[in-house]
Amino acid sequence: MPKHNINIQDGYLFQSLKEGQHMMLELITGRSLVGRLKRFDRFAVVLESEGREILTYKHAIATISTAPPDKH
């Protein structure tokens, strides 16, 4: 029987998606994006911010955290 490895990244993103939390993505360029996580896969995340969806490739993300209350 194959053992399913739990990916910490997928677990964190799935929990954030399920709870509808506002997230802050800090990109490697230093820019920050704040919004609600809509979906994700192995390579990218989609964030909804100010009524639009932003697709960001994971390799461009430095950190992901819950957004502070004053940011949304």
PDB file of N, CA and C in Angstrom:
ATOM      1  N   MET A   1       0.847  -1.172   0.000  1.00  0.00           N
ATOM      2  CA  MET A   1       0.000   0.000   0.000  1.00  0.00           C
ATOM      3  C   MET A   1       0.900   1.246   0.000  1.00  0.00           C
ATOM      4  N   PRO A   2       0.719   2.172  -0.965  1.00  0.00           N
ATOM      5  CA  PRO A   2       1.582   3.348  -1.027  1.00  0.00           C
ATOM      6  C   PRO A   2       1.308   4.309   0.126  1.00  0.00           C
ATOM      7  N   LYS A   3       2.381   4.862   0.639  1.00  0.00           N
ATOM      8  CA  LYS A   3       2.274   5.835   1.725  1.00  0.00           C
ATOM      9  C   LYS A   3       2.156   7.229   1.111  1.00  0.00           C
ATOM     10  N   HIS A   4       1.183   8.007   1.558  1.00  0.00           N
ATOM     11  CA  HIS A   4       0.988   9.359   1.048  1.00  0.00           C
ATOM     12  C   HIS A   4       1.799  10.330   1.908  1.00  0.00           C
ATOM     13  N   ASN A   5       2.760  10.996   1.280  1.00  0.00           N
ATOM     14  CA  ASN A   5       3.543  12.002   1.986  1.00  0.00           C
ATOM     15  C   ASN A   5       2.758  13.300   2.035  1.00  0.00           C
ATOM     16  N   ILE A   6       2.737  13.911   3.182  1.00  0.00           N
ATOM     17  CA  ILE A   6       2.039  15.180   3.347  1.00  0.00           C
ATOM     18  C   ILE A   6       3.023  16.301   3.038  1.00  0.00           C
ATOM     19  N   ASN A   7       2.665  17.126   2.079  1.00  0.00           N
ATOM     20  CA  ASN A   7       3.469  18.262   1.688  1.00  0.00           C
ATOM     21  C   ASN A   7       3.063  19.445   2.570  1.00  0.00           C
ATOM     22  N   ILE A   8       4.006  19.998   3.321  1.00  0.00           N
ATOM     23  CA  ILE A   8       3.682  21.091   4.249  1.00  0.00           C
ATOM     24  C   ILE A   8       3.148  22.313   3.503  1.00  0.00           C
ATOM     25  N   GLN A   9       3.687  22.575   2.322  1.00  0.00           N
ATOM     26  CA  GLN A   9       3.230  23.710   1.531  1.00  0.00           C
ATOM     27  C   GLN A   9       1.769  23.532   1.124  1.00  0.00           C
ATOM     28  N   ASP A  10       1.433  22.372   0.593  1.00  0.00           N
ATOM     29  CA  ASP A  10       0.056  22.116   0.180  1.00  0.00           C
ATOM     30  C   ASP A  10      -0.897  22.144   1.365  1.00  0.00           C
ATOM     31  N   GLY A  11      -0.469  21.618   2.502  1.00  0.00           N
ATOM     32  CA  GLY A  11      -1.303  21.641   3.701  1.00  0.00           C
ATOM     33  C   GLY A  11      -1.606  23.059   4.150  1.00  0.00           C
ATOM     34  N   TYR A  12      -0.595  23.907   4.151  1.00  0.00           N
ATOM     35  CA  TYR A  12      -0.747  25.306   4.559  1.00  0.00           C
ATOM     36  C   TYR A  12      -1.676  26.045   3.593  1.00  0.00           C
ATOM     37  N   LEU A  13      -1.449  25.869   2.296  1.00  0.00           N
ATOM     38  CA  LEU A  13      -2.272  26.552   1.302  1.00  0.00           C
ATOM     39  C   LEU A  13      -3.715  26.047   1.329  1.00  0.00           C
ATOM     40  N   PHE A  14      -3.894  24.738   1.473  1.00  0.00           N
ATOM     41  CA  PHE A  14      -5.245  24.181   1.519  1.00  0.00           C
ATOM     42  C   PHE A  14      -6.013  24.706   2.729  1.00  0.00           C
ATOM     43  N   GLN A  15      -5.368  24.773   3.883  1.00  0.00           N
ATOM     44  CA  GLN A  15      -6.031  25.286   5.088  1.00  0.00           C
ATOM     45  C   GLN A  15      -6.414  26.756   4.905  1.00  0.00           C
ATOM     46  N   SER A  16      -5.525  27.539   4.320  1.00  0.00           N
ATOM     47  CA  SER A  16      -5.812  28.952   4.062  1.00  0.00           C
ATOM     48  C   SER A  16      -6.956  29.112   3.078  1.00  0.00           C
ATOM     49  N   LEU A  17      -6.990  28.258   2.060  1.00  0.00           N
ATOM     50  CA  LEU A  17      -8.064  28.284   1.068  1.00  0.00           C
ATOM     51  C   LEU A  17      -9.395  27.934   1.720  1.00  0.00           C
ATOM     52  N   LYS A  18      -9.399  26.887   2.535  1.00  0.00           N
ATOM     53  CA  LYS A  18     -10.618  26.422   3.201  1.00  0.00           C
ATOM     54  C   LYS A  18     -11.171  27.477   4.158  1.00  0.00           C
ATOM     55  N   GLU A  19     -10.287  28.178   4.861  1.00  0.00           N
ATOM     56  CA  GLU A  19     -10.719  29.182   5.838  1.00  0.00           C
ATOM     57  C   GLU A  19     -11.007  30.535   5.204  1.00  0.00           C
ATOM     58  N   GLY A  20     -10.631  30.722   3.945  1.00  0.00           N
ATOM     59  CA  GLY A  20     -10.881  31.990   3.263  1.00  0.00           C
ATOM     60  C   GLY A  20     -10.087  33.145   3.834  1.00  0.00           C
ATOM     61  N   GLN A  21      -8.931  32.856   4.365  1.00  0.00           N
ATOM     62  CA  GLN A  21      -8.101  33.891   4.985  1.00  0.00           C
ATOM     63  C   GLN A  21      -7.497  34.830   3.938  1.00  0.00           C
ATOM     64  N   HIS A  22      -7.274  36.066   4.345  1.00  0.00           N
ATOM     65  CA  HIS A  22      -6.505  36.982   3.517  1.00  0.00           C
ATOM     66  C   HIS A  22      -5.035  36.635   3.706  1.00  0.00           C
ATOM     67  N   MET A  23      -4.340  36.544   2.578  1.00  0.00           N
ATOM     68  CA  MET A  23      -2.934  36.152   2.598  1.00  0.00           C
ATOM     69  C   MET A  23      -2.070  37.295   2.084  1.00  0.00           C
ATOM     70  N   MET A  24      -0.825  37.302   2.522  1.00  0.00           N
ATOM     71  CA  MET A  24       0.143  38.257   1.996  1.00  0.00           C
ATOM     72  C   MET A  24       1.271  37.452   1.361  1.00  0.00           C
ATOM     73  N   LEU A  25       1.480  37.666   0.069  1.00  0.00           N
ATOM     74  CA  LEU A  25       2.570  37.034  -0.646  1.00  0.00           C
ATOM     75  C   LEU A  25       3.657  38.078  -0.842  1.00  0.00           C
ATOM     76  N   GLU A  26       4.846  37.798  -0.352  1.00  0.00           N
ATOM     77  CA  GLU A  26       5.967  38.683  -0.623  1.00  0.00           C
ATOM     78  C   GLU A  26       6.765  38.044  -1.741  1.00  0.00           C
ATOM     79  N   LEU A  27       6.928  38.780  -2.826  1.00  0.00           N
ATOM     80  CA  LEU A  27       7.630  38.259  -3.985  1.00  0.00           C
ATOM     81  C   LEU A  27       9.130  38.485  -3.859  1.00  0.00           C
ATOM     82  N   ILE A  28       9.909  37.772  -4.648  1.00  0.00           N
ATOM     83  CA  ILE A  28      11.364  37.924  -4.577  1.00  0.00           C
ATOM     84  C   ILE A  28      11.821  39.307  -5.045  1.00  0.00           C
ATOM     85  N   THR A  29      10.942  40.034  -5.727  1.00  0.00           N
ATOM     86  CA  THR A  29      11.249  41.398  -6.152  1.00  0.00           C
ATOM     87  C   THR A  29      11.070  42.403  -5.019  1.00  0.00           C
ATOM     88  N   GLY A  30      10.443  41.959  -3.907  1.00  0.00           N
ATOM     89  CA  GLY A  30      10.166  42.852  -2.787  1.00  0.00           C
ATOM     90  C   GLY A  30       8.728  43.350  -2.771  1.00  0.00           C
ATOM     91  N   ARG A  31       8.001  43.169  -3.849  1.00  0.00           N
ATOM     92  CA  ARG A  31       6.598  43.586  -3.917  1.00  0.00           C
ATOM     93  C   ARG A  31       5.745  42.646  -3.076  1.00  0.00           C
ATOM     94  N   SER A  32       4.706  43.181  -2.454  1.00  0.00           N
ATOM     95  CA  SER A  32       3.773  42.372  -1.664  1.00  0.00           C
ATOM     96  C   SER A  32       2.403  42.379  -2.320  1.00  0.00           C
ATOM     97  N   LEU A  33       1.756  41.221  -2.306  1.00  0.00           N
ATOM     98  CA  LEU A  33       0.388  41.082  -2.799  1.00  0.00           C
ATOM     99  C   LEU A  33      -0.474  40.623  -1.636  1.00  0.00           C
ATOM    100  N   VAL A  34      -1.631  41.250  -1.470  1.00  0.00           N
ATOM    101  CA  VAL A  34      -2.549  40.879  -0.397  1.00  0.00           C
ATOM    102  C   VAL A  34      -3.894  40.555  -1.018  1.00  0.00           C
ATOM    103  N   GLY A  35      -4.468  39.443  -0.598  1.00  0.00           N
ATOM    104  CA  GLY A  35      -5.778  39.058  -1.106  1.00  0.00           C
ATOM    105  C   GLY A  35      -6.182  37.703  -0.561  1.00  0.00           C
ATOM    106  N   ARG A  36      -7.289  37.207  -1.089  1.00  0.00           N
ATOM    107  CA  ARG A  36      -7.829  35.916  -0.665  1.00  0.00           C
ATOM    108  C   ARG A  36      -7.368  34.845  -1.650  1.00  0.00           C
ATOM    109  N   LEU A  37      -6.843  33.753  -1.128  1.00  0.00           N
ATOM    110  CA  LEU A  37      -6.392  32.648  -1.962  1.00  0.00           C
ATOM    111  C   LEU A  37      -7.593  32.001  -2.637  1.00  0.00           C
ATOM    112  N   LYS A  38      -7.547  31.882  -3.978  1.00  0.00           N
ATOM    113  CA  LYS A  38      -8.648  31.286  -4.740  1.00  0.00           C
ATOM    114  C   LYS A  38      -8.351  29.839  -5.112  1.00  0.00           C
ATOM    115  N   ARG A  39      -7.127  29.557  -5.578  1.00  0.00           N
ATOM    116  CA  ARG A  39      -6.726  28.192  -5.927  1.00  0.00           C
ATOM    117  C   ARG A  39      -5.212  28.130  -6.081  1.00  0.00           C
ATOM    118  N   PHE A  40      -4.712  26.904  -6.126  1.00  0.00           N
ATOM    119  CA  PHE A  40      -3.272  26.707  -6.291  1.00  0.00           C
ATOM    120  C   PHE A  40      -3.024  25.336  -6.892  1.00  0.00           C
ATOM    121  N   ASP A  41      -1.838  25.179  -7.469  1.00  0.00           N
ATOM    122  CA  ASP A  41      -1.396  23.877  -7.946  1.00  0.00           C
ATOM    123  C   ASP A  41       0.107  23.762  -7.669  1.00  0.00           C
ATOM    124  N   ARG A  42       0.764  22.836  -8.326  1.00  0.00           N
ATOM    125  CA  ARG A  42       2.194  22.620  -8.062  1.00  0.00           C
ATOM    126  C   ARG A  42       3.047  23.831  -8.410  1.00  0.00           C
ATOM    127  N   PHE A  43       2.620  24.633  -9.375  1.00  0.00           N
ATOM    128  CA  PHE A  43       3.468  25.685  -9.903  1.00  0.00           C
ATOM    129  C   PHE A  43       3.011  27.112  -9.631  1.00  0.00           C
ATOM    130  N   ALA A  44       1.742  27.307  -9.290  1.00  0.00           N
ATOM    131  CA  ALA A  44       1.229  28.673  -9.191  1.00  0.00           C
ATOM    132  C   ALA A  44       0.136  28.784  -8.138  1.00  0.00           C
ATOM    133  N   VAL A  45      -0.122  30.031  -7.727  1.00  0.00           N
ATOM    134  CA  VAL A  45      -1.246  30.345  -6.843  1.00  0.00           C
ATOM    135  C   VAL A  45      -2.056  31.457  -7.506  1.00  0.00           C
ATOM    136  N   VAL A  46      -3.361  31.467  -7.244  1.00  0.00           N
ATOM    137  CA  VAL A  46      -4.232  32.535  -7.731  1.00  0.00           C
ATOM    138  C   VAL A  46      -4.783  33.245  -6.500  1.00  0.00           C
ATOM    139  N   LEU A  47      -4.549  34.543  -6.460  1.00  0.00           N
ATOM    140  CA  LEU A  47      -4.975  35.384  -5.354  1.00  0.00           C
ATOM    141  C   LEU A  47      -6.028  36.352  -5.876  1.00  0.00           C
ATOM    142  N   GLU A  48      -7.137  36.517  -5.151  1.00  0.00           N
ATOM    143  CA  GLU A  48      -8.141  37.509  -5.531  1.00  0.00           C
ATOM    144  C   GLU A  48      -7.879  38.768  -4.720  1.00  0.00           C
ATOM    145  N   SER A  49      -7.661  39.864  -5.425  1.00  0.00           N
ATOM    146  CA  SER A  49      -7.344  41.130  -4.774  1.00  0.00           C
ATOM    147  C   SER A  49      -8.059  42.263  -5.496  1.00  0.00           C
ATOM    148  N   GLU A  50      -8.834  43.030  -4.771  1.00  0.00           N
ATOM    149  CA  GLU A  50      -9.550  44.187  -5.306  1.00  0.00           C
ATOM    150  C   GLU A  50     -10.397  43.829  -6.528  1.00  0.00           C
ATOM    151  N   GLY A  51     -11.094  42.690  -6.449  1.00  0.00           N
ATOM    152  CA  GLY A  51     -11.999  42.285  -7.503  1.00  0.00           C
ATOM    153  C   GLY A  51     -11.354  41.651  -8.724  1.00  0.00           C
ATOM    154  N   ARG A  52     -10.060  41.411  -8.686  1.00  0.00           N
ATOM    155  CA  ARG A  52      -9.401  40.764  -9.821  1.00  0.00           C
ATOM    156  C   ARG A  52      -8.568  39.590  -9.329  1.00  0.00           C
ATOM    157  N   GLU A  53      -8.305  38.672 -10.226  1.00  0.00           N
ATOM    158  CA  GLU A  53      -7.506  37.499  -9.880  1.00  0.00           C
ATOM    159  C   GLU A  53      -6.084  37.688 -10.393  1.00  0.00           C
ATOM    160  N   ILE A  54      -5.123  37.363  -9.537  1.00  0.00           N
ATOM    161  CA  ILE A  54      -3.708  37.507  -9.879  1.00  0.00           C
ATOM    162  C   ILE A  54      -3.064  36.130  -9.815  1.00  0.00           C
ATOM    163  N   LEU A  55      -2.528  35.670 -10.947  1.00  0.00           N
ATOM    164  CA  LEU A  55      -1.809  34.407 -10.999  1.00  0.00           C
ATOM    165  C   LEU A  55      -0.340  34.703 -10.735  1.00  0.00           C
ATOM    166  N   THR A  56       0.234  34.014  -9.764  1.00  0.00           N
ATOM    167  CA  THR A  56       1.643  34.197  -9.431  1.00  0.00           C
ATOM    168  C   THR A  56       2.317  32.836  -9.409  1.00  0.00           C
ATOM    169  N   TYR A  57       3.439  32.732 -10.112  1.00  0.00           N
ATOM    170  CA  TYR A  57       4.188  31.481 -10.100  1.00  0.00           C
ATOM    171  C   TYR A  57       4.915  31.328  -8.772  1.00  0.00           C
ATOM    172  N   LYS A  58       4.902  30.128  -8.231  1.00  0.00           N
ATOM    173  CA  LYS A  58       5.490  29.885  -6.910  1.00  0.00           C
ATOM    174  C   LYS A  58       6.974  30.216  -6.854  1.00  0.00           C
ATOM    175  N   HIS A  59       7.681  30.043  -7.965  1.00  0.00           N
ATOM    176  CA  HIS A  59       9.114  30.332  -7.928  1.00  0.00           C
ATOM    177  C   HIS A  59       9.397  31.831  -7.743  1.00  0.00           C
ATOM    178  N   ALA A  60       8.381  32.679  -7.905  1.00  0.00           N
ATOM    179  CA  ALA A  60       8.532  34.120  -7.715  1.00  0.00           C
ATOM    180  C   ALA A  60       8.182  34.563  -6.299  1.00  0.00           C
ATOM    181  N   ILE A  61       7.724  33.635  -5.455  1.00  0.00           N
ATOM    182  CA  ILE A  61       7.281  33.970  -4.097  1.00  0.00           C
ATOM    183  C   ILE A  61       8.399  33.705  -3.099  1.00  0.00           C
ATOM    184  N   ALA A  62       8.689  34.706  -2.273  1.00  0.00           N
ATOM    185  CA  ALA A  62       9.680  34.548  -1.209  1.00  0.00           C
ATOM    186  C   ALA A  62       9.018  34.022   0.059  1.00  0.00           C
ATOM    187  N   THR A  63       7.888  34.636   0.479  1.00  0.00           N
ATOM    188  CA  THR A  63       7.182  34.195   1.686  1.00  0.00           C
ATOM    189  C   THR A  63       5.679  34.301   1.489  1.00  0.00           C
ATOM    190  N   ILE A  64       4.956  33.461   2.245  1.00  0.00           N
ATOM    191  CA  ILE A  64       3.501  33.505   2.280  1.00  0.00           C
ATOM    192  C   ILE A  64       3.092  33.547   3.749  1.00  0.00           C
ATOM    193  N   SER A  65       2.208  34.488   4.090  1.00  0.00           N
ATOM    194  CA  SER A  65       1.725  34.564   5.475  1.00  0.00           C
ATOM    195  C   SER A  65       0.296  35.075   5.476  1.00  0.00           C
ATOM    196  N   THR A  66      -0.370  34.945   6.619  1.00  0.00           N
ATOM    197  CA  THR A  66      -1.697  35.539   6.743  1.00  0.00           C
ATOM    198  C   THR A  66      -1.500  37.049   6.799  1.00  0.00           C
ATOM    199  N   ALA A  67      -2.416  37.769   6.183  1.00  0.00           N
ATOM    200  CA  ALA A  67      -2.291  39.233   6.123  1.00  0.00           C
ATOM    201  C   ALA A  67      -2.674  39.830   7.469  1.00  0.00           C
ATOM    202  N   PRO A  68      -1.929  40.840   7.902  1.00  0.00           N
ATOM    203  CA  PRO A  68      -2.329  41.554   9.120  1.00  0.00           C
ATOM    204  C   PRO A  68      -3.690  42.218   8.907  1.00  0.00           C
ATOM    205  N   PRO A  69      -4.486  42.393   9.965  1.00  0.00           N
ATOM    206  CA  PRO A  69      -5.838  42.959   9.831  1.00  0.00           C
ATOM    207  C   PRO A  69      -5.882  44.300   9.103  1.00  0.00           C
ATOM    208  N   ASP A  70      -4.872  45.140   9.235  1.00  0.00           N
ATOM    209  CA  ASP A  70      -4.894  46.455   8.606  1.00  0.00           C
ATOM    210  C   ASP A  70      -4.567  46.416   7.112  1.00  0.00           C
ATOM    211  N   LYS A  71      -4.151  45.271   6.571  1.00  0.00           N
ATOM    212  CA  LYS A  71      -3.775  45.168   5.161  1.00  0.00           C
ATOM    213  C   LYS A  71      -4.938  44.816   4.242  1.00  0.00           C
ATOM    214  N   HIS A  72      -6.094  44.395   4.778  1.00  0.00           N
ATOM    215  CA  HIS A  72      -7.207  44.034   3.900  1.00  0.00           C
ATOM    216  C   HIS A  72      -8.424  44.785   4.246  1.00  0.00           C
TER     217      HIS A  72
END
